[in-house]
Amino acid sequence: MRISFELDDNDLEHFRLIMNEARKAARRLAPEDIVAAAEDLLKEVPASEAPGFIVERLERLRLMIKMLSDIEWRLPHQDATRVLNALAYFAEPEDLIPDHIPGLGFLDDAIMIELVVRELKHEMEAYQDFCDYRDRLSQAGDGGAASRENWLDARRKELQARMRRRRGRHGRLLP
């Protein structure tokens, strides 16, 4: 069975207000606590029992967390703050829909993930390209650690500049 729904501008504004409140509350938390709360959500949802649309969005959440913790990516502070702001909702103990409700409990989380993924589209694309590039380098086995570091550094700078240019051309809601 397939059920779809569409969120209009008023619905989206409601979710944005909730996200802004979560960000305000998260200001008192350390970045590690915000990331830990998002990781807890990933642990809480058993992939084998969750609906496909939830699992798909949780993978995007996992990518956001990796983006923050990847030593070789070295996300600049301002961009890391944007990602942390996106994860702030998951640090809130109160959900719109309680997670224990079968089939629907993670719907609000999936909607929030979808909204922040749209806001972080350029960051996530750049990071995914970086990971793909790094994987190709590893598979090729070319060069030693020093040359690999140089290659990764150059590619990281190129991709982070691209994400900022693209983000600048498109409106943004995240600070």
N, C-alpha and C. Protein backbone atom coordinates (compact mmCIF):
# COMPACT_ATOMS: atom_id res chain seq x y z
N MET A 1 0.85 -1.17 0.00
CA MET A 1 0.00 0.00 0.00
C MET A 1 0.90 1.24 0.00
N ARG A 2 0.51 2.24 -0.72
CA ARG A 2 1.26 3.48 -0.80
C ARG A 2 0.36 4.62 -0.34
N ILE A 3 0.90 5.40 0.58
CA ILE A 3 0.20 6.59 1.07
C ILE A 3 1.11 7.77 0.86
N SER A 4 0.62 8.81 0.21
CA SER A 4 1.43 10.01 0.04
C SER A 4 0.66 11.20 0.57
N PHE A 5 1.42 12.21 0.91
CA PHE A 5 0.81 13.45 1.35
C PHE A 5 1.72 14.59 0.92
N GLU A 6 1.15 15.75 0.85
CA GLU A 6 1.90 16.91 0.42
C GLU A 6 1.85 17.96 1.52
N LEU A 7 2.98 18.56 1.79
CA LEU A 7 3.04 19.62 2.79
C LEU A 7 2.99 20.96 2.04
N ASP A 8 2.04 21.80 2.44
CA ASP A 8 1.98 23.12 1.80
C ASP A 8 2.86 24.10 2.56
N ASP A 9 2.89 25.34 2.12
CA ASP A 9 3.76 26.34 2.73
C ASP A 9 3.47 26.54 4.21
N ASN A 10 2.19 26.47 4.60
CA ASN A 10 1.84 26.61 6.02
C ASN A 10 2.38 25.45 6.84
N ASP A 11 2.28 24.24 6.30
CA ASP A 11 2.82 23.07 6.98
C ASP A 11 4.33 23.20 7.16
N LEU A 12 5.00 23.59 6.09
CA LEU A 12 6.46 23.75 6.14
C LEU A 12 6.85 24.82 7.12
N GLU A 13 6.09 25.90 7.18
CA GLU A 13 6.38 26.97 8.13
C GLU A 13 6.25 26.45 9.57
N HIS A 14 5.26 25.61 9.80
CA HIS A 14 5.08 25.01 11.13
C HIS A 14 6.32 24.20 11.52
N PHE A 15 6.82 23.38 10.60
CA PHE A 15 8.02 22.59 10.88
C PHE A 15 9.24 23.48 11.07
N ARG A 16 9.32 24.56 10.31
CA ARG A 16 10.45 25.49 10.48
C ARG A 16 10.42 26.16 11.85
N LEU A 17 9.22 26.50 12.32
CA LEU A 17 9.11 27.09 13.66
C LEU A 17 9.55 26.09 14.74
N ILE A 18 9.16 24.85 14.57
CA ILE A 18 9.58 23.81 15.51
C ILE A 18 11.09 23.65 15.49
N MET A 19 11.66 23.68 14.28
CA MET A 19 13.11 23.56 14.15
C MET A 19 13.81 24.75 14.82
N ASN A 20 13.29 25.95 14.64
CA ASN A 20 13.89 27.12 15.28
C ASN A 20 13.85 27.02 16.80
N GLU A 21 12.75 26.51 17.34
CA GLU A 21 12.66 26.31 18.79
C GLU A 21 13.67 25.27 19.25
N ALA A 22 13.83 24.21 18.47
CA ALA A 22 14.82 23.18 18.83
C ALA A 22 16.23 23.76 18.80
N ARG A 23 16.51 24.61 17.84
CA ARG A 23 17.84 25.24 17.77
C ARG A 23 18.10 26.13 18.98
N LYS A 24 17.09 26.86 19.38
CA LYS A 24 17.25 27.71 20.57
C LYS A 24 17.56 26.85 21.79
N ALA A 25 16.83 25.78 21.94
CA ALA A 25 17.05 24.88 23.09
C ALA A 25 18.41 24.21 23.01
N ALA A 26 18.87 23.92 21.79
CA ALA A 26 20.14 23.21 21.62
C ALA A 26 21.35 24.10 21.85
N ARG A 27 21.16 25.40 21.90
CA ARG A 27 22.30 26.31 22.13
C ARG A 27 23.00 26.04 23.45
N ARG A 28 22.27 25.48 24.40
CA ARG A 28 22.87 25.18 25.70
C ARG A 28 23.60 23.84 25.71
N LEU A 29 23.52 23.11 24.61
CA LEU A 29 24.16 21.80 24.52
C LEU A 29 25.50 21.89 23.81
N ALA A 30 26.39 21.01 24.21
CA ALA A 30 27.67 20.89 23.51
C ALA A 30 27.43 20.21 22.17
N PRO A 31 28.25 20.53 21.17
CA PRO A 31 28.09 19.88 19.86
C PRO A 31 28.06 18.36 19.95
N GLU A 32 28.90 17.80 20.85
CA GLU A 32 28.93 16.33 20.99
C GLU A 32 27.58 15.78 21.44
N ASP A 33 26.87 16.56 22.29
CA ASP A 33 25.57 16.11 22.78
C ASP A 33 24.52 16.13 21.66
N ILE A 34 24.61 17.12 20.80
CA ILE A 34 23.68 17.19 19.67
C ILE A 34 23.91 16.00 18.74
N VAL A 35 25.17 15.74 18.44
CA VAL A 35 25.51 14.60 17.57
C VAL A 35 25.09 13.30 18.24
N ALA A 36 25.34 13.18 19.53
CA ALA A 36 24.97 11.95 20.26
C ALA A 36 23.46 11.71 20.20
N ALA A 37 22.67 12.77 20.30
CA ALA A 37 21.21 12.61 20.23
C ALA A 37 20.79 12.10 18.85
N ALA A 38 21.42 12.62 17.80
CA ALA A 38 21.11 12.14 16.45
C ALA A 38 21.55 10.69 16.29
N GLU A 39 22.71 10.34 16.85
CA GLU A 39 23.17 8.95 16.80
C GLU A 39 22.24 8.03 17.57
N ASP A 40 21.68 8.53 18.67
CA ASP A 40 20.73 7.73 19.45
C ASP A 40 19.49 7.40 18.63
N LEU A 41 19.04 8.36 17.83
CA LEU A 41 17.89 8.10 16.97
C LEU A 41 18.23 6.97 15.99
N LEU A 42 19.43 7.00 15.44
CA LEU A 42 19.83 5.94 14.51
C LEU A 42 19.84 4.57 15.19
N LYS A 43 20.27 4.54 16.44
CA LYS A 43 20.30 3.28 17.18
C LYS A 43 18.90 2.81 17.55
N GLU A 44 18.02 3.78 17.76
CA GLU A 44 16.67 3.47 18.24
C GLU A 44 15.79 2.84 17.16
N VAL A 45 16.08 3.14 15.92
CA VAL A 45 15.24 2.66 14.83
C VAL A 45 15.87 1.42 14.21
N PRO A 46 15.32 0.26 14.46
CA PRO A 46 15.86 -0.94 13.83
C PRO A 46 15.53 -0.93 12.33
N ALA A 47 16.57 -0.91 11.50
CA ALA A 47 16.38 -0.79 10.05
C ALA A 47 15.50 -1.91 9.50
N SER A 48 15.57 -3.08 10.10
CA SER A 48 14.79 -4.20 9.59
C SER A 48 13.29 -4.02 9.83
N GLU A 49 12.92 -3.20 10.80
CA GLU A 49 11.50 -3.02 11.13
C GLU A 49 10.94 -1.69 10.66
N ALA A 50 11.78 -0.75 10.26
CA ALA A 50 11.33 0.58 9.89
C ALA A 50 10.86 0.61 8.44
N PRO A 51 9.85 1.44 8.16
CA PRO A 51 9.42 1.59 6.76
C PRO A 51 10.56 2.14 5.91
N GLY A 52 10.55 1.81 4.63
CA GLY A 52 11.62 2.20 3.71
C GLY A 52 11.88 3.69 3.68
N PHE A 53 10.82 4.51 3.71
CA PHE A 53 11.02 5.95 3.63
C PHE A 53 11.73 6.48 4.88
N ILE A 54 11.58 5.79 6.00
CA ILE A 54 12.29 6.18 7.22
C ILE A 54 13.77 5.78 7.11
N VAL A 55 14.02 4.56 6.68
CA VAL A 55 15.38 4.05 6.54
C VAL A 55 16.18 4.94 5.58
N GLU A 56 15.56 5.32 4.48
CA GLU A 56 16.23 6.18 3.49
C GLU A 56 16.66 7.51 4.12
N ARG A 57 15.79 8.10 4.90
CA ARG A 57 16.12 9.38 5.52
C ARG A 57 17.13 9.22 6.66
N LEU A 58 17.07 8.11 7.35
CA LEU A 58 18.06 7.86 8.40
C LEU A 58 19.46 7.74 7.82
N GLU A 59 19.57 7.20 6.62
CA GLU A 59 20.88 7.13 5.95
C GLU A 59 21.41 8.55 5.67
N ARG A 60 20.51 9.45 5.35
CA ARG A 60 20.92 10.84 5.13
C ARG A 60 21.36 11.49 6.45
N LEU A 61 20.68 11.14 7.52
CA LEU A 61 21.08 11.63 8.84
C LEU A 61 22.47 11.10 9.20
N ARG A 62 22.69 9.84 8.90
CA ARG A 62 24.00 9.22 9.16
C ARG A 62 25.10 9.96 8.38
N LEU A 63 24.81 10.35 7.14
CA LEU A 63 25.78 11.09 6.33
C LEU A 63 26.09 12.46 6.95
N MET A 64 25.07 13.14 7.48
CA MET A 64 25.30 14.43 8.13
C MET A 64 26.24 14.27 9.33
N ILE A 65 26.03 13.23 10.10
CA ILE A 65 26.86 12.98 11.28
C ILE A 65 28.30 12.69 10.84
N LYS A 66 28.45 11.87 9.81
CA LYS A 66 29.79 11.55 9.30
C LYS A 66 30.50 12.80 8.81
N MET A 67 29.73 13.70 8.19
CA MET A 67 30.30 14.94 7.68
C MET A 67 30.97 15.74 8.79
N LEU A 68 30.38 15.72 9.97
CA LEU A 68 30.93 16.45 11.11
C LEU A 68 32.16 15.77 11.70
N SER A 69 32.19 14.46 11.68
CA SER A 69 33.23 13.73 12.39
C SER A 69 34.38 13.27 11.50
N ASP A 70 34.28 13.45 10.21
CA ASP A 70 35.30 12.97 9.28
C ASP A 70 36.53 13.87 9.37
N ILE A 71 37.60 13.33 9.91
CA ILE A 71 38.84 14.08 10.12
C ILE A 71 39.40 14.61 8.80
N GLU A 72 39.33 13.82 7.75
CA GLU A 72 39.89 14.26 6.47
C GLU A 72 39.04 15.32 5.78
N TRP A 73 37.75 15.39 6.09
CA TRP A 73 36.88 16.39 5.47
C TRP A 73 37.10 17.76 6.10
N ARG A 74 37.34 17.80 7.38
CA ARG A 74 37.64 19.06 8.10
C ARG A 74 36.67 20.18 7.72
N LEU A 75 35.43 19.96 8.01
CA LEU A 75 34.40 20.95 7.71
C LEU A 75 34.69 22.25 8.46
N PRO A 76 34.77 23.38 7.77
CA PRO A 76 35.03 24.65 8.46
C PRO A 76 33.96 24.94 9.52
N HIS A 77 34.34 25.69 10.54
CA HIS A 77 33.48 25.94 11.69
C HIS A 77 32.09 26.45 11.29
N GLN A 78 32.03 27.43 10.42
CA GLN A 78 30.73 28.00 10.02
C GLN A 78 29.84 26.94 9.38
N ASP A 79 30.41 26.10 8.54
CA ASP A 79 29.64 25.04 7.90
C ASP A 79 29.27 23.94 8.89
N ALA A 80 30.18 23.63 9.82
CA ALA A 80 29.86 22.64 10.86
C ALA A 80 28.71 23.15 11.72
N THR A 81 28.66 24.44 11.98
CA THR A 81 27.57 25.02 12.76
C THR A 81 26.23 24.84 12.03
N ARG A 82 26.24 25.00 10.72
CA ARG A 82 25.01 24.78 9.93
C ARG A 82 24.52 23.35 10.09
N VAL A 83 25.44 22.40 10.05
CA VAL A 83 25.06 20.99 10.19
C VAL A 83 24.55 20.73 11.61
N LEU A 84 25.22 21.26 12.60
CA LEU A 84 24.76 21.10 13.99
C LEU A 84 23.37 21.71 14.17
N ASN A 85 23.13 22.87 13.56
CA ASN A 85 21.80 23.48 13.63
C ASN A 85 20.75 22.57 13.01
N ALA A 86 21.13 21.90 11.95
CA ALA A 86 20.21 20.97 11.31
C ALA A 86 19.91 19.77 12.20
N LEU A 87 20.89 19.35 13.00
CA LEU A 87 20.71 18.19 13.88
C LEU A 87 20.02 18.54 15.20
N ALA A 88 19.82 19.82 15.46
CA ALA A 88 19.29 20.27 16.75
C ALA A 88 17.95 19.63 17.10
N TYR A 89 17.09 19.43 16.13
CA TYR A 89 15.77 18.85 16.39
C TYR A 89 15.88 17.50 17.10
N PHE A 90 16.91 16.74 16.76
CA PHE A 90 17.04 15.39 17.28
C PHE A 90 17.58 15.38 18.71
N ALA A 91 17.98 16.54 19.21
CA ALA A 91 18.42 16.65 20.60
C ALA A 91 17.24 16.93 21.53
N GLU A 92 16.08 17.22 20.96
CA GLU A 92 14.89 17.50 21.75
C GLU A 92 14.25 16.18 22.20
N PRO A 93 13.97 16.04 23.48
CA PRO A 93 13.37 14.79 23.96
C PRO A 93 11.90 14.62 23.52
N GLU A 94 11.22 15.72 23.26
CA GLU A 94 9.81 15.67 22.86
C GLU A 94 9.68 15.69 21.35
N ASP A 95 9.02 14.70 20.79
CA ASP A 95 8.75 14.64 19.36
C ASP A 95 7.33 15.12 19.09
N LEU A 96 7.08 15.52 17.85
CA LEU A 96 5.70 15.82 17.46
C LEU A 96 4.85 14.56 17.53
N ILE A 97 5.43 13.46 17.02
CA ILE A 97 4.76 12.16 17.06
C ILE A 97 5.64 11.24 17.90
N PRO A 98 5.13 10.72 19.00
CA PRO A 98 5.97 9.84 19.84
C PRO A 98 6.52 8.66 19.04
N ASP A 99 7.80 8.39 19.23
CA ASP A 99 8.49 7.37 18.44
C ASP A 99 7.95 5.96 18.64
N HIS A 100 7.28 5.71 19.74
CA HIS A 100 6.81 4.35 20.02
C HIS A 100 5.57 3.97 19.23
N ILE A 101 4.96 4.89 18.49
CA ILE A 101 3.77 4.57 17.69
C ILE A 101 4.21 3.83 16.43
N PRO A 102 3.79 2.56 16.28
CA PRO A 102 4.25 1.75 15.14
C PRO A 102 3.89 2.38 13.80
N GLY A 103 4.86 2.38 12.89
CA GLY A 103 4.63 2.87 11.53
C GLY A 103 4.65 4.38 11.36
N LEU A 104 4.24 5.11 12.38
CA LEU A 104 4.17 6.56 12.27
C LEU A 104 5.11 7.31 13.21
N GLY A 105 5.64 6.63 14.19
CA GLY A 105 6.40 7.29 15.24
C GLY A 105 7.60 8.07 14.76
N PHE A 106 8.17 7.68 13.64
CA PHE A 106 9.35 8.38 13.15
C PHE A 106 9.02 9.27 11.95
N LEU A 107 7.74 9.45 11.67
CA LEU A 107 7.33 10.29 10.54
C LEU A 107 7.81 11.73 10.71
N ASP A 108 7.65 12.29 11.91
CA ASP A 108 8.10 13.67 12.12
C ASP A 108 9.61 13.78 11.97
N ASP A 109 10.33 12.75 12.43
CA ASP A 109 11.79 12.74 12.27
C ASP A 109 12.16 12.70 10.79
N ALA A 110 11.45 11.87 10.03
CA ALA A 110 11.72 11.76 8.59
C ALA A 110 11.45 13.09 7.88
N ILE A 111 10.38 13.77 8.27
CA ILE A 111 10.06 15.06 7.66
C ILE A 111 11.16 16.08 7.99
N MET A 112 11.59 16.10 9.24
CA MET A 112 12.65 17.03 9.63
C MET A 112 13.95 16.72 8.90
N ILE A 113 14.27 15.44 8.78
CA ILE A 113 15.48 15.07 8.05
C ILE A 113 15.37 15.56 6.61
N GLU A 114 14.23 15.34 6.00
CA GLU A 114 14.03 15.77 4.61
C GLU A 114 14.20 17.29 4.48
N LEU A 115 13.66 18.04 5.42
CA LEU A 115 13.80 19.49 5.36
C LEU A 115 15.25 19.93 5.51
N VAL A 116 15.97 19.35 6.44
CA VAL A 116 17.36 19.77 6.63
C VAL A 116 18.25 19.26 5.50
N VAL A 117 17.93 18.13 4.92
CA VAL A 117 18.69 17.64 3.77
C VAL A 117 18.56 18.64 2.62
N ARG A 118 17.38 19.19 2.45
CA ARG A 118 17.20 20.19 1.40
C ARG A 118 18.03 21.44 1.69
N GLU A 119 18.10 21.81 2.96
CA GLU A 119 18.89 22.98 3.36
C GLU A 119 20.39 22.72 3.21
N LEU A 120 20.80 21.49 3.42
CA LEU A 120 22.22 21.13 3.38
C LEU A 120 22.59 20.40 2.09
N LYS A 121 21.78 20.55 1.07
CA LYS A 121 21.97 19.83 -0.19
C LYS A 121 23.40 19.99 -0.71
N HIS A 122 23.91 21.20 -0.77
CA HIS A 122 25.22 21.44 -1.36
C HIS A 122 26.34 20.89 -0.48
N GLU A 123 26.17 20.99 0.84
CA GLU A 123 27.16 20.43 1.75
C GLU A 123 27.21 18.91 1.61
N MET A 124 26.04 18.30 1.53
CA MET A 124 25.98 16.84 1.45
C MET A 124 26.50 16.33 0.11
N GLU A 125 26.18 17.04 -0.98
CA GLU A 125 26.70 16.65 -2.29
C GLU A 125 28.22 16.74 -2.32
N ALA A 126 28.75 17.85 -1.78
CA ALA A 126 30.20 18.03 -1.75
C ALA A 126 30.86 16.94 -0.92
N TYR A 127 30.29 16.63 0.24
CA TYR A 127 30.87 15.60 1.09
C TYR A 127 30.81 14.23 0.42
N GLN A 128 29.69 13.92 -0.21
CA GLN A 128 29.57 12.63 -0.89
C GLN A 128 30.59 12.54 -2.03
N ASP A 129 30.78 13.63 -2.76
CA ASP A 129 31.79 13.65 -3.83
C ASP A 129 33.19 13.42 -3.24
N PHE A 130 33.45 14.05 -2.08
CA PHE A 130 34.74 13.88 -1.42
C PHE A 130 34.95 12.42 -1.02
N CYS A 131 33.92 11.81 -0.45
CA CYS A 131 34.02 10.39 -0.05
C CYS A 131 34.26 9.50 -1.27
N ASP A 132 33.55 9.79 -2.35
CA ASP A 132 33.74 9.01 -3.59
C ASP A 132 35.17 9.17 -4.11
N TYR A 133 35.66 10.40 -4.08
CA TYR A 133 37.02 10.69 -4.53
C TYR A 133 38.04 9.95 -3.66
N ARG A 134 37.83 10.02 -2.37
CA ARG A 134 38.73 9.35 -1.42
C ARG A 134 38.72 7.84 -1.65
N ASP A 135 37.54 7.29 -1.90
CA ASP A 135 37.44 5.85 -2.17
C ASP A 135 38.18 5.47 -3.45
N ARG A 136 38.04 6.31 -4.49
CA ARG A 136 38.76 6.03 -5.74
C ARG A 136 40.27 6.07 -5.52
N LEU A 137 40.73 7.03 -4.70
CA LEU A 137 42.16 7.10 -4.40
C LEU A 137 42.62 5.85 -3.66
N SER A 138 41.83 5.40 -2.72
CA SER A 138 42.18 4.21 -1.94
C SER A 138 42.24 2.98 -2.83
N GLN A 139 41.30 2.85 -3.73
CA GLN A 139 41.26 1.70 -4.62
C GLN A 139 42.40 1.71 -5.62
N ALA A 140 42.79 2.92 -6.05
CA ALA A 140 43.87 3.04 -7.02
C ALA A 140 45.21 2.68 -6.39
N GLY A 141 45.34 2.96 -5.08
CA GLY A 141 46.57 2.63 -4.38
C GLY A 141 47.75 3.47 -4.82
N ASP A 142 47.51 4.60 -5.46
CA ASP A 142 48.59 5.46 -5.94
C ASP A 142 49.17 6.30 -4.81
N GLY A 143 50.48 6.47 -4.82
CA GLY A 143 51.14 7.41 -3.94
C GLY A 143 51.16 6.98 -2.49
N GLY A 144 52.00 7.65 -1.74
CA GLY A 144 52.09 7.40 -0.31
C GLY A 144 51.13 8.28 0.45
N ALA A 145 51.25 8.25 1.77
CA ALA A 145 50.34 9.01 2.63
C ALA A 145 50.46 10.51 2.38
N ALA A 146 51.67 11.02 2.14
CA ALA A 146 51.85 12.46 1.93
C ALA A 146 51.14 12.91 0.67
N SER A 147 51.28 12.18 -0.41
CA SER A 147 50.61 12.59 -1.65
C SER A 147 49.09 12.42 -1.53
N ARG A 148 48.66 11.38 -0.84
CA ARG A 148 47.23 11.19 -0.62
C ARG A 148 46.66 12.37 0.16
N GLU A 149 47.39 12.79 1.19
CA GLU A 149 46.95 13.93 2.00
C GLU A 149 46.86 15.19 1.13
N ASN A 150 47.83 15.40 0.27
CA ASN A 150 47.80 16.56 -0.62
C ASN A 150 46.62 16.51 -1.56
N TRP A 151 46.37 15.34 -2.14
CA TRP A 151 45.24 15.18 -3.05
C TRP A 151 43.92 15.43 -2.33
N LEU A 152 43.79 14.83 -1.16
CA LEU A 152 42.55 15.00 -0.41
C LEU A 152 42.36 16.45 0.01
N ASP A 153 43.43 17.11 0.41
CA ASP A 153 43.35 18.50 0.81
C ASP A 153 42.89 19.37 -0.35
N ALA A 154 43.47 19.18 -1.51
CA ALA A 154 43.08 19.97 -2.69
C ALA A 154 41.62 19.71 -3.06
N ARG A 155 41.22 18.46 -3.05
CA ARG A 155 39.83 18.12 -3.42
C ARG A 155 38.85 18.65 -2.39
N ARG A 156 39.18 18.56 -1.10
CA ARG A 156 38.32 19.07 -0.03
C ARG A 156 38.11 20.57 -0.22
N LYS A 157 39.18 21.31 -0.44
CA LYS A 157 39.07 22.77 -0.62
C LYS A 157 38.21 23.11 -1.84
N GLU A 158 38.41 22.38 -2.91
CA GLU A 158 37.64 22.60 -4.13
C GLU A 158 36.14 22.34 -3.89
N LEU A 159 35.83 21.25 -3.24
CA LEU A 159 34.43 20.89 -3.01
C LEU A 159 33.77 21.80 -1.99
N GLN A 160 34.48 22.21 -0.96
CA GLN A 160 33.89 23.12 0.02
C GLN A 160 33.65 24.50 -0.59
N ALA A 161 34.53 24.95 -1.48
CA ALA A 161 34.30 26.22 -2.18
C ALA A 161 33.07 26.10 -3.08
N ARG A 162 32.93 24.95 -3.74
CA ARG A 162 31.76 24.73 -4.60
C ARG A 162 30.47 24.76 -3.80
N MET A 163 30.47 24.11 -2.62
CA MET A 163 29.23 24.06 -1.83
C MET A 163 28.85 25.47 -1.38
N ARG A 164 29.83 26.31 -1.03
CA ARG A 164 29.51 27.68 -0.61
C ARG A 164 28.99 28.51 -1.77
N ARG A 165 29.58 28.33 -2.97
CA ARG A 165 29.08 29.06 -4.16
C ARG A 165 27.65 28.67 -4.45
N ARG A 166 27.38 27.38 -4.47
CA ARG A 166 26.02 26.91 -4.77
C ARG A 166 25.03 27.36 -3.72
N ARG A 167 25.44 27.27 -2.47
CA ARG A 167 24.55 27.70 -1.38
C ARG A 167 24.26 29.18 -1.51
N GLY A 168 25.23 29.97 -1.93
CA GLY A 168 25.05 31.41 -2.09
C GLY A 168 24.07 31.76 -3.20
N ARG A 169 24.00 30.91 -4.23
CA ARG A 169 23.07 31.15 -5.34
C ARG A 169 21.64 30.79 -4.98
N HIS A 170 21.47 29.91 -4.03
CA HIS A 170 20.13 29.45 -3.65
C HIS A 170 19.84 30.02 -2.26
N GLY A 171 18.61 30.39 -2.03
CA GLY A 171 18.24 30.89 -0.71
C GLY A 171 18.54 29.86 0.35
N ARG A 172 18.73 30.32 1.57
CA ARG A 172 18.99 29.39 2.66
C ARG A 172 18.27 29.84 3.91
N LEU A 173 17.92 28.87 4.72
CA LEU A 173 17.22 29.14 5.98
C LEU A 173 18.11 28.91 7.18
N LEU A 174 19.10 28.02 7.01
CA LEU A 174 19.98 27.72 8.14
C LEU A 174 21.03 28.81 8.26
N PRO A 175 21.34 29.22 9.50
CA PRO A 175 22.37 30.24 9.66
C PRO A 175 23.75 29.69 9.37
